[in-house]
Amino acid sequence: FTRRDMQAQAKAKGHPWEMSKSFDHAAAIGALAPADEIGHPAGGRICFEIDGQVRQDGQLDQMIWSVPEVLAHLSRMVTLAPGDLIYTGTPAGVGPVERGNKLVGRIDGVGSVETTVV
């Protein structure tokens, strides 16, 4: 999620805007699934719905960088440990959400996460 109001303020001042993605409750996450149980998905559908309407829809193999490439690059800059979460972005179709919207995110072979905007 991105708070566009915070992002715009930071950009206008020439400041970094990472806090527009790091605000309280910004990181939706479903149940964790160990790789030894689900493997390392390199393909499959990734989608996001708002109130039952698909807004973002893509394939894991369409990512600019594969998951192993992301891990290799990050591990050169920071120490990664079991349980670390890495958010890589989403398919095209980003848009606003409003209070009361029911959000559902799915990745084939991994699982889903559901929440309602409060």
N, C-alpha and C. Protein backbone atom coordinates (compact mmCIF):
# COMPACT_ATOMS: atom_id res chain seq x y z
N PHE A 1 0.84 -1.18 0.00
CA PHE A 1 0.00 0.00 0.00
C PHE A 1 0.88 1.24 0.00
N THR A 2 0.38 2.31 -0.56
CA THR A 2 1.09 3.59 -0.60
C THR A 2 0.13 4.69 -0.20
N ARG A 3 0.55 5.51 0.76
CA ARG A 3 -0.24 6.70 1.09
C ARG A 3 0.20 7.81 0.15
N ARG A 4 -0.60 8.05 -0.85
CA ARG A 4 -0.24 9.03 -1.88
C ARG A 4 -0.11 10.44 -1.31
N ASP A 5 -0.87 10.77 -0.26
CA ASP A 5 -0.73 12.10 0.34
C ASP A 5 0.66 12.28 0.93
N MET A 6 1.15 11.30 1.67
CA MET A 6 2.49 11.38 2.25
C MET A 6 3.56 11.37 1.16
N GLN A 7 3.35 10.56 0.14
CA GLN A 7 4.29 10.46 -0.96
C GLN A 7 4.42 11.81 -1.67
N ALA A 8 3.30 12.46 -1.95
CA ALA A 8 3.31 13.75 -2.65
C ALA A 8 4.02 14.82 -1.82
N GLN A 9 3.76 14.85 -0.51
CA GLN A 9 4.41 15.83 0.36
C GLN A 9 5.92 15.64 0.36
N ALA A 10 6.36 14.40 0.49
CA ALA A 10 7.79 14.12 0.53
C ALA A 10 8.45 14.46 -0.81
N LYS A 11 7.82 14.08 -1.90
CA LYS A 11 8.37 14.39 -3.22
C LYS A 11 8.48 15.89 -3.44
N ALA A 12 7.45 16.65 -3.02
CA ALA A 12 7.45 18.10 -3.20
C ALA A 12 8.61 18.76 -2.46
N LYS A 13 9.03 18.16 -1.35
CA LYS A 13 10.14 18.70 -0.56
C LYS A 13 11.48 18.10 -0.95
N GLY A 14 11.46 17.18 -1.91
CA GLY A 14 12.70 16.51 -2.31
C GLY A 14 13.19 15.51 -1.28
N HIS A 15 12.28 15.05 -0.43
CA HIS A 15 12.64 14.10 0.62
C HIS A 15 12.39 12.67 0.15
N PRO A 16 13.05 11.70 0.80
CA PRO A 16 12.72 10.30 0.50
C PRO A 16 11.26 10.03 0.87
N TRP A 17 10.63 9.10 0.18
CA TRP A 17 9.22 8.86 0.44
C TRP A 17 8.92 7.44 0.90
N GLU A 18 9.93 6.78 1.50
CA GLU A 18 9.70 5.41 1.97
C GLU A 18 8.64 5.32 3.05
N MET A 19 8.44 6.38 3.84
CA MET A 19 7.41 6.32 4.89
C MET A 19 6.00 6.26 4.30
N SER A 20 5.84 6.66 3.05
CA SER A 20 4.51 6.55 2.43
C SER A 20 4.15 5.09 2.15
N LYS A 21 5.12 4.20 2.28
CA LYS A 21 4.88 2.77 2.13
C LYS A 21 5.09 2.03 3.45
N SER A 22 5.45 2.74 4.50
CA SER A 22 5.81 2.10 5.77
C SER A 22 4.95 2.55 6.94
N PHE A 23 3.77 3.05 6.67
CA PHE A 23 2.89 3.54 7.73
C PHE A 23 2.26 2.36 8.48
N ASP A 24 1.70 2.64 9.66
CA ASP A 24 1.08 1.59 10.47
C ASP A 24 0.03 0.82 9.66
N HIS A 25 0.06 -0.47 9.78
CA HIS A 25 -0.89 -1.40 9.15
C HIS A 25 -0.78 -1.43 7.62
N ALA A 26 0.34 -1.00 7.07
CA ALA A 26 0.50 -0.94 5.62
C ALA A 26 0.83 -2.29 4.98
N ALA A 27 1.28 -3.23 5.76
CA ALA A 27 1.77 -4.49 5.19
C ALA A 27 0.79 -5.63 5.41
N ALA A 28 -0.04 -5.88 4.41
CA ALA A 28 -0.96 -7.02 4.50
C ALA A 28 -0.17 -8.31 4.28
N ILE A 29 -0.45 -9.31 5.10
CA ILE A 29 0.26 -10.58 4.96
C ILE A 29 -0.67 -11.72 5.36
N GLY A 30 -0.62 -12.79 4.59
CA GLY A 30 -1.41 -13.98 4.90
C GLY A 30 -0.58 -14.95 5.71
N ALA A 31 -1.06 -16.18 5.79
CA ALA A 31 -0.33 -17.22 6.52
C ALA A 31 1.01 -17.48 5.84
N LEU A 32 2.03 -17.72 6.65
CA LEU A 32 3.34 -18.04 6.10
C LEU A 32 3.39 -19.51 5.72
N ALA A 33 4.00 -19.81 4.59
CA ALA A 33 4.13 -21.18 4.11
C ALA A 33 5.60 -21.46 3.84
N PRO A 34 6.20 -22.39 4.58
CA PRO A 34 7.62 -22.70 4.37
C PRO A 34 7.89 -23.22 2.96
N ALA A 35 9.04 -22.83 2.41
CA ALA A 35 9.40 -23.26 1.06
C ALA A 35 9.49 -24.77 0.95
N ASP A 36 9.86 -25.46 2.04
CA ASP A 36 9.95 -26.92 1.94
C ASP A 36 8.57 -27.56 1.81
N GLU A 37 7.50 -26.78 2.06
CA GLU A 37 6.14 -27.29 1.87
C GLU A 37 5.55 -26.90 0.51
N ILE A 38 5.85 -25.69 0.05
CA ILE A 38 5.23 -25.21 -1.20
C ILE A 38 6.21 -25.08 -2.36
N GLY A 39 7.50 -25.26 -2.08
CA GLY A 39 8.50 -25.09 -3.13
C GLY A 39 8.81 -23.62 -3.35
N HIS A 40 9.39 -23.34 -4.49
CA HIS A 40 9.77 -21.97 -4.86
C HIS A 40 9.02 -21.61 -6.14
N PRO A 41 7.80 -21.10 -6.02
CA PRO A 41 7.01 -20.82 -7.23
C PRO A 41 7.71 -19.84 -8.16
N ALA A 42 7.90 -20.25 -9.40
CA ALA A 42 8.50 -19.38 -10.40
C ALA A 42 7.45 -18.91 -11.40
N GLY A 43 6.30 -19.54 -11.37
CA GLY A 43 5.21 -19.18 -12.27
C GLY A 43 3.90 -19.28 -11.52
N GLY A 44 2.85 -18.84 -12.16
CA GLY A 44 1.53 -18.87 -11.55
C GLY A 44 0.93 -17.49 -11.48
N ARG A 45 -0.36 -17.45 -11.31
CA ARG A 45 -1.11 -16.20 -11.31
C ARG A 45 -0.94 -15.47 -9.98
N ILE A 46 -0.83 -14.15 -10.07
CA ILE A 46 -0.87 -13.27 -8.91
C ILE A 46 -1.96 -12.24 -9.21
N CYS A 47 -2.93 -12.11 -8.29
CA CYS A 47 -4.02 -11.17 -8.57
C CYS A 47 -4.48 -10.48 -7.29
N PHE A 48 -5.16 -9.37 -7.49
CA PHE A 48 -5.66 -8.54 -6.39
C PHE A 48 -7.06 -8.09 -6.75
N GLU A 49 -7.99 -8.28 -5.81
CA GLU A 49 -9.39 -7.90 -6.02
C GLU A 49 -9.82 -6.86 -5.00
N ILE A 50 -10.68 -5.96 -5.44
CA ILE A 50 -11.35 -5.01 -4.55
C ILE A 50 -12.84 -5.26 -4.69
N ASP A 51 -13.48 -5.61 -3.58
CA ASP A 51 -14.92 -5.89 -3.58
C ASP A 51 -15.33 -6.86 -4.69
N GLY A 52 -14.53 -7.91 -4.88
CA GLY A 52 -14.86 -8.96 -5.84
C GLY A 52 -14.49 -8.67 -7.28
N GLN A 53 -13.95 -7.49 -7.56
CA GLN A 53 -13.55 -7.13 -8.93
C GLN A 53 -12.04 -7.20 -9.05
N VAL A 54 -11.55 -7.96 -10.02
CA VAL A 54 -10.10 -8.07 -10.24
C VAL A 54 -9.57 -6.73 -10.72
N ARG A 55 -8.58 -6.20 -10.01
CA ARG A 55 -7.97 -4.91 -10.37
C ARG A 55 -6.54 -5.09 -10.88
N GLN A 56 -5.87 -6.11 -10.39
CA GLN A 56 -4.50 -6.40 -10.82
C GLN A 56 -4.42 -7.89 -11.10
N ASP A 57 -3.78 -8.25 -12.19
CA ASP A 57 -3.73 -9.65 -12.59
C ASP A 57 -2.46 -9.86 -13.42
N GLY A 58 -1.63 -10.78 -13.00
CA GLY A 58 -0.40 -11.03 -13.73
C GLY A 58 0.13 -12.42 -13.45
N GLN A 59 1.32 -12.67 -13.91
CA GLN A 59 1.99 -13.96 -13.73
C GLN A 59 3.34 -13.74 -13.05
N LEU A 60 3.68 -14.65 -12.14
CA LEU A 60 4.96 -14.53 -11.44
C LEU A 60 6.14 -14.50 -12.41
N ASP A 61 6.04 -15.25 -13.50
CA ASP A 61 7.17 -15.29 -14.44
C ASP A 61 7.28 -14.01 -15.27
N GLN A 62 6.38 -13.04 -15.05
CA GLN A 62 6.47 -11.75 -15.72
C GLN A 62 7.19 -10.71 -14.86
N MET A 63 7.61 -11.11 -13.67
CA MET A 63 8.34 -10.17 -12.81
C MET A 63 9.63 -9.75 -13.50
N ILE A 64 10.03 -8.51 -13.31
CA ILE A 64 11.27 -8.00 -13.90
C ILE A 64 12.45 -8.80 -13.38
N TRP A 65 12.47 -9.08 -12.08
CA TRP A 65 13.52 -9.87 -11.44
C TRP A 65 12.87 -11.10 -10.83
N SER A 66 13.47 -12.27 -11.02
CA SER A 66 12.95 -13.48 -10.38
C SER A 66 13.20 -13.40 -8.87
N VAL A 67 12.49 -14.21 -8.12
CA VAL A 67 12.70 -14.22 -6.66
C VAL A 67 14.15 -14.54 -6.32
N PRO A 68 14.80 -15.56 -6.92
CA PRO A 68 16.21 -15.79 -6.61
C PRO A 68 17.10 -14.58 -6.92
N GLU A 69 16.81 -13.86 -8.01
CA GLU A 69 17.59 -12.66 -8.33
C GLU A 69 17.39 -11.58 -7.28
N VAL A 70 16.16 -11.39 -6.82
CA VAL A 70 15.87 -10.41 -5.78
C VAL A 70 16.64 -10.76 -4.51
N LEU A 71 16.58 -12.03 -4.11
CA LEU A 71 17.28 -12.46 -2.89
C LEU A 71 18.79 -12.28 -3.02
N ALA A 72 19.34 -12.63 -4.16
CA ALA A 72 20.78 -12.48 -4.37
C ALA A 72 21.19 -11.02 -4.26
N HIS A 73 20.45 -10.14 -4.90
CA HIS A 73 20.78 -8.71 -4.87
C HIS A 73 20.66 -8.15 -3.45
N LEU A 74 19.54 -8.42 -2.78
CA LEU A 74 19.34 -7.90 -1.43
C LEU A 74 20.39 -8.42 -0.46
N SER A 75 20.77 -9.68 -0.60
CA SER A 75 21.73 -10.27 0.34
C SER A 75 23.12 -9.65 0.21
N ARG A 76 23.38 -8.95 -0.87
CA ARG A 76 24.64 -8.21 -1.00
C ARG A 76 24.61 -6.90 -0.21
N MET A 77 23.40 -6.43 0.13
CA MET A 77 23.27 -5.13 0.80
C MET A 77 22.88 -5.25 2.27
N VAL A 78 22.09 -6.26 2.61
CA VAL A 78 21.63 -6.43 3.99
C VAL A 78 21.67 -7.90 4.36
N THR A 79 21.70 -8.17 5.65
CA THR A 79 21.65 -9.54 6.13
C THR A 79 20.21 -10.02 6.09
N LEU A 80 19.98 -11.11 5.41
CA LEU A 80 18.65 -11.71 5.34
C LEU A 80 18.61 -12.92 6.27
N ALA A 81 17.50 -13.08 6.97
CA ALA A 81 17.35 -14.18 7.92
C ALA A 81 16.01 -14.87 7.68
N PRO A 82 15.90 -16.13 8.10
CA PRO A 82 14.61 -16.82 7.98
C PRO A 82 13.50 -15.98 8.63
N GLY A 83 12.39 -15.86 7.93
CA GLY A 83 11.26 -15.08 8.44
C GLY A 83 11.22 -13.65 7.94
N ASP A 84 12.30 -13.16 7.31
CA ASP A 84 12.28 -11.82 6.74
C ASP A 84 11.23 -11.74 5.64
N LEU A 85 10.57 -10.61 5.55
CA LEU A 85 9.56 -10.39 4.52
C LEU A 85 10.12 -9.43 3.47
N ILE A 86 9.93 -9.78 2.21
CA ILE A 86 10.41 -8.95 1.11
C ILE A 86 9.21 -8.67 0.20
N TYR A 87 8.87 -7.42 0.06
CA TYR A 87 7.75 -7.02 -0.79
C TYR A 87 8.31 -6.56 -2.13
N THR A 88 7.81 -7.13 -3.22
CA THR A 88 8.40 -6.88 -4.53
C THR A 88 7.54 -6.04 -5.46
N GLY A 89 6.36 -5.65 -5.04
CA GLY A 89 5.48 -4.91 -5.93
C GLY A 89 4.39 -5.80 -6.49
N THR A 90 3.57 -5.24 -7.35
CA THR A 90 2.40 -5.95 -7.86
C THR A 90 2.24 -5.69 -9.35
N PRO A 91 1.38 -6.47 -10.01
CA PRO A 91 1.12 -6.23 -11.44
C PRO A 91 0.47 -4.86 -11.69
N ALA A 92 0.42 -4.48 -12.95
CA ALA A 92 -0.21 -3.22 -13.35
C ALA A 92 -1.65 -3.16 -12.86
N GLY A 93 -2.12 -1.95 -12.61
CA GLY A 93 -3.51 -1.76 -12.21
C GLY A 93 -3.66 -1.14 -10.84
N VAL A 94 -2.59 -0.57 -10.30
CA VAL A 94 -2.62 0.05 -8.98
C VAL A 94 -3.68 1.14 -8.95
N GLY A 95 -4.42 1.23 -7.85
CA GLY A 95 -5.44 2.25 -7.71
C GLY A 95 -5.82 2.44 -6.26
N PRO A 96 -6.66 3.42 -5.99
CA PRO A 96 -7.03 3.74 -4.60
C PRO A 96 -7.96 2.70 -4.00
N VAL A 97 -7.92 2.61 -2.67
CA VAL A 97 -8.88 1.82 -1.91
C VAL A 97 -9.55 2.77 -0.92
N GLU A 98 -10.74 2.39 -0.47
CA GLU A 98 -11.51 3.23 0.45
C GLU A 98 -11.97 2.42 1.65
N ARG A 99 -12.28 3.12 2.73
CA ARG A 99 -12.81 2.44 3.91
C ARG A 99 -13.98 1.55 3.51
N GLY A 100 -13.97 0.35 4.07
CA GLY A 100 -15.04 -0.60 3.81
C GLY A 100 -14.76 -1.54 2.65
N ASN A 101 -13.78 -1.22 1.79
CA ASN A 101 -13.45 -2.12 0.68
C ASN A 101 -12.93 -3.45 1.22
N LYS A 102 -13.39 -4.55 0.61
CA LYS A 102 -12.85 -5.87 0.92
C LYS A 102 -11.76 -6.17 -0.10
N LEU A 103 -10.56 -6.44 0.40
CA LEU A 103 -9.40 -6.69 -0.46
C LEU A 103 -9.01 -8.15 -0.38
N VAL A 104 -8.71 -8.74 -1.52
CA VAL A 104 -8.25 -10.13 -1.58
C VAL A 104 -7.05 -10.19 -2.52
N GLY A 105 -5.96 -10.74 -2.02
CA GLY A 105 -4.77 -10.97 -2.84
C GLY A 105 -4.50 -12.47 -2.90
N ARG A 106 -4.11 -12.95 -4.09
CA ARG A 106 -3.86 -14.39 -4.27
C ARG A 106 -2.60 -14.61 -5.11
N ILE A 107 -1.87 -15.66 -4.74
CA ILE A 107 -0.76 -16.14 -5.56
C ILE A 107 -0.94 -17.65 -5.70
N ASP A 108 -1.05 -18.13 -6.94
CA ASP A 108 -1.21 -19.56 -7.17
C ASP A 108 -0.11 -20.35 -6.47
N GLY A 109 -0.50 -21.40 -5.80
CA GLY A 109 0.46 -22.27 -5.15
C GLY A 109 1.01 -21.76 -3.84
N VAL A 110 0.65 -20.52 -3.48
CA VAL A 110 1.14 -19.94 -2.23
C VAL A 110 -0.02 -19.74 -1.26
N GLY A 111 -1.05 -19.04 -1.68
CA GLY A 111 -2.20 -18.81 -0.81
C GLY A 111 -2.83 -17.46 -1.08
N SER A 112 -3.63 -17.01 -0.12
CA SER A 112 -4.34 -15.74 -0.28
C SER A 112 -4.37 -14.99 1.04
N VAL A 113 -4.69 -13.72 0.93
CA VAL A 113 -4.86 -12.86 2.10
C VAL A 113 -6.10 -12.01 1.84
N GLU A 114 -6.92 -11.84 2.88
CA GLU A 114 -8.13 -11.03 2.78
C GLU A 114 -8.15 -10.04 3.94
N THR A 115 -8.61 -8.83 3.65
CA THR A 115 -8.77 -7.83 4.70
C THR A 115 -9.81 -6.81 4.25
N THR A 116 -10.31 -6.06 5.19
CA THR A 116 -11.23 -4.97 4.91
C THR A 116 -10.57 -3.67 5.35
N VAL A 117 -10.63 -2.65 4.50
CA VAL A 117 -10.02 -1.36 4.82
C VAL A 117 -10.84 -0.69 5.92
N VAL A 118 -10.14 -0.27 7.00
CA VAL A 118 -10.81 0.41 8.12
C VAL A 118 -10.41 1.86 8.19
